[in-house]
Amino acid sequence: MSEMIHAIEGWLMEYGVWGLFFVSFADSSFFPIPPDVLLIPMGISNPDSVIRYAFITTVASVLGAIFGWFIGKKLGRPVLRLIISEEKIQKVEHYFSKYGPMAILVSAFTPIPYKVFTIFAGISKVPLRVLVIWSIIGRGARFFLEAAFIIVLGAKAKPFIEENFSLITIIGSILIVVAYVIYLLIRKKKKN
């Protein structure tokens, strides 16, 4: 399976920006390869365009999230069962009921399979605008952060991101949660 994924990555890399767009779109709705595997090497090989690549990746990923939402809305749970087990579906359902949009935001930023959350958002009838807003924030934060690492570290960005991705996403997720809680508190204060 790993060899096949590497072959697909190589093939997509040949298509440059279009390959990046496709994998970013597909990752958010049905494809097993995350866009980082193209974004990082493309950004390192062309650092003057890395911000543009991060933007393309974010836009395509959000469009893919919308497609995933429609898959969930129209096809429902049976399509999720093709991707993950019923046990994991119940976990996602729990996260959605407990954390609402925060589940979308955190899954958009972390290596958690984002497609599962976008499809489940459609199943759960999460308003499309909610999915789009939190996808833009989460996916944008992830891909522009990777771009920032590439700008600062150059070729050393790839091993740095690979070695520290879990730590980066944990710290980033904590910052996102804190920002969200502050947002909720400010919103609550304005209502009173």
Foldseek 3Di string as FASTA:
>chain_A
DVVVVVVLLVVLLVVPLVSLLVQLLCLQAPDDDHSCSNLLVSCLVPVVCSVVSLVSSLVSNLNSLLVLLVCLQPVNDVVLVVVDPPVVLVVLVVCCVVPNLLSQLLVLQAVNRNNSNSSVCNNVVPPSVSNSVSSSNRSSVNSVVLSVLCVVPRPVSVVVCVVCVVVVSVVVSVVVVVVVVVVVVVVVVVVD
